[in-house]
Amino acid sequence: MRAVFALLSFAASALAYSVIEPDATTGWTTSGPNVVVWQMVSTDPANFTIVLNNQNVTPATTQVLAALVGGSLGNVTVNPPSGGWKAGKGFRVNLVKDSQDLNSILAQSPQFDIVASSSSTFSTSVSATAGSATLTVPASATTDATTGSSASALNPTTSDTSTSPTKSNGASPAMAMSNGLVGALALLGAFLA
């Protein structure tokens, strides 16, 4: 009887979710998102939760990476947890029933490593990008084609005011009067002091 039960259990597990990647040869890196690949059959639940687990560290870690993942997708890219990917050995990806029941494992990956990304690749790409940058500096002086006068591109001014029309809006006499009044008050203040 036990042999029949064991055989049925083995047959049922052979026809359920199975994690293809990550595995011992592909693993993950600490930079950017990583990919989980799986296979399923029609009798598997439609959704599951992806959990990163490491029982080889103290304390053991369990982090939910993605909830309500559609099983028919076949693969999904998972972003790093809030603390980022931690380099180490002995990690597993578990496909579990839901985020409320992390112990109902539908499938489990083989153990794999998360390896630190090399920083030399990053600095090489930065130096290559910086080496191809172009700096454009505006000309220090420009010449007005109509008047022949020169003006700085950073501080454009014109020295030729003889051709500029004078605009009058009626405020000039009032402004002159207020300037005279301010001057008179300043003179009176100086006299009283």
C-alpha atoms as a PDB file:
ATOM      1  CA  MET A   1       0.000   0.000   0.000  1.00  0.00           C
ATOM      2  CA  ARG A   2       2.805   2.406   0.882  1.00  0.00           C
ATOM      3  CA  ALA A   3       4.547   1.616  -2.379  1.00  0.00           C
ATOM      4  CA  VAL A   4       1.425   2.536  -4.369  1.00  0.00           C
ATOM      5  CA  PHE A   5       1.047   5.804  -2.435  1.00  0.00           C
ATOM      6  CA  ALA A   6       4.729   6.666  -3.028  1.00  0.00           C
ATOM      7  CA  LEU A   7       4.387   5.852  -6.722  1.00  0.00           C
ATOM      8  CA  LEU A   8       1.279   8.057  -7.042  1.00  0.00           C
ATOM      9  CA  SER A   9       3.020  10.888  -5.189  1.00  0.00           C
ATOM     10  CA  PHE A  10       6.025  10.626  -7.507  1.00  0.00           C
ATOM     11  CA  ALA A  11       3.796  10.608 -10.589  1.00  0.00           C
ATOM     12  CA  ALA A  12       1.863  13.648  -9.339  1.00  0.00           C
ATOM     13  CA  SER A  13       5.077  15.552  -8.660  1.00  0.00           C
ATOM     14  CA  ALA A  14       6.387  14.763 -12.128  1.00  0.00           C
ATOM     15  CA  LEU A  15       3.350  16.448 -13.647  1.00  0.00           C
ATOM     16  CA  ALA A  16       3.484  19.650 -11.582  1.00  0.00           C
ATOM     17  CA  TYR A  17       5.283  22.997 -11.717  1.00  0.00           C
ATOM     18  CA  SER A  18       9.038  22.708 -12.099  1.00  0.00           C
ATOM     19  CA  VAL A  19      11.601  25.512 -11.876  1.00  0.00           C
ATOM     20  CA  ILE A  20      14.012  25.496 -14.831  1.00  0.00           C
ATOM     21  CA  GLU A  21      16.056  28.609 -13.951  1.00  0.00           C
ATOM     22  CA  PRO A  22      17.829  29.625 -11.808  1.00  0.00           C
ATOM     23  CA  ASP A  23      19.834  26.474 -11.230  1.00  0.00           C
ATOM     24  CA  ALA A  24      23.330  25.488 -10.115  1.00  0.00           C
ATOM     25  CA  THR A  25      24.879  26.493 -13.456  1.00  0.00           C
ATOM     26  CA  THR A  26      22.988  29.705 -14.308  1.00  0.00           C
ATOM     27  CA  GLY A  27      22.546  31.338 -10.897  1.00  0.00           C
ATOM     28  CA  TRP A  28      21.908  35.057 -10.468  1.00  0.00           C
ATOM     29  CA  THR A  29      23.949  38.250 -10.142  1.00  0.00           C
ATOM     30  CA  THR A  30      23.651  41.129  -7.683  1.00  0.00           C
ATOM     31  CA  SER A  31      23.021  43.723 -10.395  1.00  0.00           C
ATOM     32  CA  GLY A  32      19.632  44.422 -11.883  1.00  0.00           C
ATOM     33  CA  PRO A  33      16.655  42.106 -12.177  1.00  0.00           C
ATOM     34  CA  ASN A  34      16.964  38.317 -12.547  1.00  0.00           C
ATOM     35  CA  VAL A  35      14.806  35.779 -14.386  1.00  0.00           C
ATOM     36  CA  VAL A  36      12.766  32.828 -13.106  1.00  0.00           C
ATOM     37  CA  VAL A  37      11.748  30.210 -15.709  1.00  0.00           C
ATOM     38  CA  TRP A  38       9.321  27.335 -15.039  1.00  0.00           C
ATOM     39  CA  GLN A  39       7.144  24.714 -16.658  1.00  0.00           C
ATOM     40  CA  MET A  40       3.578  23.860 -15.729  1.00  0.00           C
ATOM     41  CA  VAL A  41       0.762  21.503 -16.653  1.00  0.00           C
ATOM     42  CA  SER A  42      -2.943  22.214 -16.982  1.00  0.00           C
ATOM     43  CA  THR A  43      -3.736  20.812 -13.520  1.00  0.00           C
ATOM     44  CA  ASP A  44      -1.400  23.258 -11.758  1.00  0.00           C
ATOM     45  CA  PRO A  45      -2.868  26.297  -9.970  1.00  0.00           C
ATOM     46  CA  ALA A  46      -3.268  29.337 -12.218  1.00  0.00           C
ATOM     47  CA  ASN A  47      -1.208  31.645  -9.942  1.00  0.00           C
ATOM     48  CA  PHE A  48       1.601  31.342  -7.446  1.00  0.00           C
ATOM     49  CA  THR A  49       4.049  33.463  -5.451  1.00  0.00           C
ATOM     50  CA  ILE A  50       7.814  33.493  -6.028  1.00  0.00           C
ATOM     51  CA  VAL A  51       9.934  33.347  -2.885  1.00  0.00           C
ATOM     52  CA  LEU A  52      13.715  33.572  -2.530  1.00  0.00           C
ATOM     53  CA  ASN A  53      14.912  31.315   0.250  1.00  0.00           C
ATOM     54  CA  ASN A  54      18.282  30.569   1.841  1.00  0.00           C
ATOM     55  CA  GLN A  55      18.393  28.029   4.661  1.00  0.00           C
ATOM     56  CA  ASN A  56      22.238  27.939   4.655  1.00  0.00           C
ATOM     57  CA  VAL A  57      22.622  31.259   6.483  1.00  0.00           C
ATOM     58  CA  THR A  58      21.838  32.210  10.052  1.00  0.00           C
ATOM     59  CA  PRO A  59      19.180  33.383  10.390  1.00  0.00           C
ATOM     60  CA  ALA A  60      17.525  31.721   7.411  1.00  0.00           C
ATOM     61  CA  THR A  61      16.082  34.226   4.929  1.00  0.00           C
ATOM     62  CA  THR A  62      12.807  34.141   3.063  1.00  0.00           C
ATOM     63  CA  GLN A  63      11.811  37.033   0.789  1.00  0.00           C
ATOM     64  CA  VAL A  64       8.708  37.306  -1.380  1.00  0.00           C
ATOM     65  CA  LEU A  65       9.832  38.482  -4.830  1.00  0.00           C
ATOM     66  CA  ALA A  66       6.529  38.431  -6.755  1.00  0.00           C
ATOM     67  CA  ALA A  67       2.940  37.600  -5.800  1.00  0.00           C
ATOM     68  CA  LEU A  68       0.079  36.385  -8.008  1.00  0.00           C
ATOM     69  CA  VAL A  69       2.334  35.378 -10.882  1.00  0.00           C
ATOM     70  CA  GLY A  70       0.418  33.877 -13.808  1.00  0.00           C
ATOM     71  CA  GLY A  71       1.597  30.301 -14.277  1.00  0.00           C
ATOM     72  CA  SER A  72       0.963  30.352 -18.028  1.00  0.00           C
ATOM     73  CA  LEU A  73       3.661  33.030 -18.516  1.00  0.00           C
ATOM     74  CA  GLY A  74       6.481  30.488 -18.243  1.00  0.00           C
ATOM     75  CA  ASN A  75       9.002  33.094 -17.068  1.00  0.00           C
ATOM     76  CA  VAL A  76       9.121  36.366 -15.223  1.00  0.00           C
ATOM     77  CA  THR A  77      11.765  38.953 -14.416  1.00  0.00           C
ATOM     78  CA  VAL A  78      11.982  39.658 -10.696  1.00  0.00           C
ATOM     79  CA  ASN A  79      13.353  42.872  -9.278  1.00  0.00           C
ATOM     80  CA  PRO A  80      15.714  42.917  -6.293  1.00  0.00           C
ATOM     81  CA  PRO A  81      14.178  42.958  -2.825  1.00  0.00           C
ATOM     82  CA  SER A  82      14.289  46.215  -0.864  1.00  0.00           C
ATOM     83  CA  GLY A  83      17.794  45.519   0.486  1.00  0.00           C
ATOM     84  CA  GLY A  84      19.097  44.502  -2.955  1.00  0.00           C
ATOM     85  CA  TRP A  85      20.467  41.117  -3.969  1.00  0.00           C
ATOM     86  CA  LYS A  86      22.906  39.707  -1.405  1.00  0.00           C
ATOM     87  CA  ALA A  87      25.773  37.670  -2.838  1.00  0.00           C
ATOM     88  CA  GLY A  88      26.039  34.169  -1.404  1.00  0.00           C
ATOM     89  CA  LYS A  89      25.548  30.442  -1.827  1.00  0.00           C
ATOM     90  CA  GLY A  90      22.684  28.064  -1.143  1.00  0.00           C
ATOM     91  CA  PHE A  91      19.760  30.098  -2.490  1.00  0.00           C
ATOM     92  CA  ARG A  92      16.571  28.496  -3.811  1.00  0.00           C
ATOM     93  CA  VAL A  93      13.534  29.898  -5.585  1.00  0.00           C
ATOM     94  CA  ASN A  94      10.275  28.457  -4.306  1.00  0.00           C
ATOM     95  CA  LEU A  95       6.979  28.685  -6.157  1.00  0.00           C
ATOM     96  CA  VAL A  96       4.437  28.701  -3.324  1.00  0.00           C
ATOM     97  CA  LYS A  97       0.650  28.645  -3.188  1.00  0.00           C
ATOM     98  CA  ASP A  98       0.318  32.304  -2.116  1.00  0.00           C
ATOM     99  CA  SER A  99       1.998  35.005  -0.053  1.00  0.00           C
ATOM    100  CA  GLN A 100      -0.037  34.006   3.021  1.00  0.00           C
ATOM    101  CA  ASP A 101       1.161  30.385   2.941  1.00  0.00           C
ATOM    102  CA  LEU A 102       4.893  30.305   2.157  1.00  0.00           C
ATOM    103  CA  ASN A 103       5.177  26.667   3.275  1.00  0.00           C
ATOM    104  CA  SER A 104       2.860  25.256   0.565  1.00  0.00           C
ATOM    105  CA  ILE A 105       5.629  24.744  -1.990  1.00  0.00           C
ATOM    106  CA  LEU A 106       4.464  23.916  -5.516  1.00  0.00           C
ATOM    107  CA  ALA A 107       8.014  23.732  -6.935  1.00  0.00           C
ATOM    108  CA  GLN A 108      11.553  24.449  -5.826  1.00  0.00           C
ATOM    109  CA  SER A 109      14.695  25.286  -7.781  1.00  0.00           C
ATOM    110  CA  PRO A 110      17.996  23.546  -7.213  1.00  0.00           C
ATOM    111  CA  GLN A 111      20.423  25.459  -5.000  1.00  0.00           C
ATOM    112  CA  PHE A 112      22.205  28.291  -6.800  1.00  0.00           C
ATOM    113  CA  ASP A 113      24.595  31.144  -6.079  1.00  0.00           C
ATOM    114  CA  ILE A 114      24.079  34.877  -6.321  1.00  0.00           C
ATOM    115  CA  VAL A 115      27.415  36.316  -7.416  1.00  0.00           C
ATOM    116  CA  ALA A 116      28.574  39.905  -7.090  1.00  0.00           C
ATOM    117  CA  SER A 117      28.709  41.807 -10.362  1.00  0.00           C
ATOM    118  CA  SER A 118      32.139  43.016 -11.386  1.00  0.00           C
ATOM    119  CA  SER A 119      32.608  46.785 -11.102  1.00  0.00           C
ATOM    120  CA  SER A 120      35.147  46.926 -13.943  1.00  0.00           C
ATOM    121  CA  THR A 121      32.395  46.555 -16.545  1.00  0.00           C
ATOM    122  CA  PHE A 122      30.611  49.576 -15.103  1.00  0.00           C
ATOM    123  CA  SER A 123      33.672  51.818 -15.040  1.00  0.00           C
ATOM    124  CA  THR A 124      34.630  50.789 -18.584  1.00  0.00           C
ATOM    125  CA  SER A 125      31.234  51.754 -19.935  1.00  0.00           C
ATOM    126  CA  VAL A 126      31.326  55.052 -18.068  1.00  0.00           C
ATOM    127  CA  SER A 127      34.774  55.956 -19.381  1.00  0.00           C
ATOM    128  CA  ALA A 128      33.775  54.966 -22.914  1.00  0.00           C
ATOM    129  CA  THR A 129      30.661  57.116 -22.685  1.00  0.00           C
ATOM    130  CA  ALA A 130      32.546  60.023 -21.170  1.00  0.00           C
ATOM    131  CA  GLY A 131      35.241  59.747 -23.840  1.00  0.00           C
ATOM    132  CA  SER A 132      32.724  60.190 -26.635  1.00  0.00           C
ATOM    133  CA  ALA A 133      30.962  63.195 -25.122  1.00  0.00           C
ATOM    134  CA  THR A 134      31.055  66.444 -27.074  1.00  0.00           C
ATOM    135  CA  LEU A 135      31.237  69.800 -25.336  1.00  0.00           C
ATOM    136  CA  THR A 136      29.817  72.731 -27.266  1.00  0.00           C
ATOM    137  CA  VAL A 137      30.859  76.215 -26.179  1.00  0.00           C
ATOM    138  CA  PRO A 138      29.079  79.231 -27.623  1.00  0.00           C
ATOM    139  CA  ALA A 139      31.160  81.831 -29.453  1.00  0.00           C
ATOM    140  CA  SER A 140      32.457  84.622 -27.240  1.00  0.00           C
ATOM    141  CA  ALA A 141      31.439  87.391 -29.591  1.00  0.00           C
ATOM    142  CA  THR A 142      29.055  87.781 -32.469  1.00  0.00           C
ATOM    143  CA  THR A 143      28.701  90.513 -35.043  1.00  0.00           C
ATOM    144  CA  ASP A 144      25.328  91.984 -35.882  1.00  0.00           C
ATOM    145  CA  ALA A 145      25.030  91.787 -39.674  1.00  0.00           C
ATOM    146  CA  THR A 146      22.831  94.880 -39.974  1.00  0.00           C
ATOM    147  CA  THR A 147      24.794  97.324 -37.822  1.00  0.00           C
ATOM    148  CA  GLY A 148      28.266  95.773 -37.767  1.00  0.00           C
ATOM    149  CA  SER A 149      28.387  96.115 -33.967  1.00  0.00           C
ATOM    150  CA  SER A 150      29.877  93.378 -31.804  1.00  0.00           C
ATOM    151  CA  ALA A 151      28.110  91.781 -28.826  1.00  0.00           C
ATOM    152  CA  SER A 152      29.057  88.998 -26.448  1.00  0.00           C
ATOM    153  CA  ALA A 153      27.050  85.814 -26.904  1.00  0.00           C
ATOM    154  CA  LEU A 154      26.854  85.351 -23.155  1.00  0.00           C
ATOM    155  CA  ASN A 155      25.895  88.947 -22.458  1.00  0.00           C
ATOM    156  CA  PRO A 156      24.282  90.346 -25.590  1.00  0.00           C
ATOM    157  CA  THR A 157      24.208  94.118 -25.643  1.00  0.00           C
ATOM    158  CA  THR A 158      24.169  96.629 -28.433  1.00  0.00           C
ATOM    159  CA  SER A 159      26.218  99.760 -28.419  1.00  0.00           C
ATOM    160  CA  ASP A 160      24.414 101.407 -31.317  1.00  0.00           C
ATOM    161  CA  THR A 161      21.356 103.146 -29.896  1.00  0.00           C
ATOM    162  CA  SER A 162      21.067 105.832 -32.525  1.00  0.00           C
ATOM    163  CA  THR A 163      18.832 103.714 -34.730  1.00  0.00           C
ATOM    164  CA  SER A 164      16.585 102.540 -31.894  1.00  0.00           C
ATOM    165  CA  PRO A 165      13.234 104.260 -31.802  1.00  0.00           C
ATOM    166  CA  THR A 166      12.373 105.934 -28.517  1.00  0.00           C
ATOM    167  CA  LYS A 167       9.151 104.763 -26.996  1.00  0.00           C
ATOM    168  CA  SER A 168       7.062 107.001 -24.841  1.00  0.00           C
ATOM    169  CA  ASN A 169       4.133 105.873 -22.770  1.00  0.00           C
ATOM    170  CA  GLY A 170       3.587 109.035 -20.773  1.00  0.00           C
ATOM    171  CA  ALA A 171       5.353 107.767 -17.663  1.00  0.00           C
ATOM    172  CA  SER A 172       8.611 109.682 -18.168  1.00  0.00           C
ATOM    173  CA  PRO A 173       7.432 113.072 -16.799  1.00  0.00           C
ATOM    174  CA  ALA A 174       5.882 111.434 -13.744  1.00  0.00           C
ATOM    175  CA  MET A 175       9.063 109.439 -13.133  1.00  0.00           C
ATOM    176  CA  ALA A 176      11.173 112.581 -13.390  1.00  0.00           C
ATOM    177  CA  MET A 177       8.903 114.276 -10.865  1.00  0.00           C
ATOM    178  CA  SER A 178       9.188 111.359  -8.397  1.00  0.00           C
ATOM    179  CA  ASN A 179      12.987 111.303  -8.794  1.00  0.00           C
ATOM    180  CA  GLY A 180      13.061 115.057  -8.018  1.00  0.00           C
ATOM    181  CA  LEU A 181      10.861 114.521  -4.963  1.00  0.00           C
ATOM    182  CA  VAL A 182      13.129 111.751  -3.641  1.00  0.00           C
ATOM    183  CA  GLY A 183      16.171 113.977  -4.173  1.00  0.00           C
ATOM    184  CA  ALA A 184      14.519 116.873  -2.330  1.00  0.00           C
ATOM    185  CA  LEU A 185      13.606 114.642   0.612  1.00  0.00           C
ATOM    186  CA  ALA A 186      17.160 113.339   0.780  1.00  0.00           C
ATOM    187  CA  LEU A 187      18.509 116.920   0.799  1.00  0.00           C
ATOM    188  CA  LEU A 188      16.038 117.914   3.532  1.00  0.00           C
ATOM    189  CA  GLY A 189      17.071 114.870   5.620  1.00  0.00           C
ATOM    190  CA  ALA A 190      20.735 115.785   5.254  1.00  0.00           C
ATOM    191  CA  PHE A 191      20.025 119.402   6.260  1.00  0.00           C
ATOM    192  CA  LEU A 192      18.070 118.384   9.375  1.00  0.00           C
ATOM    193  CA  ALA A 193      20.729 115.912  10.480  1.00  0.00           C
END
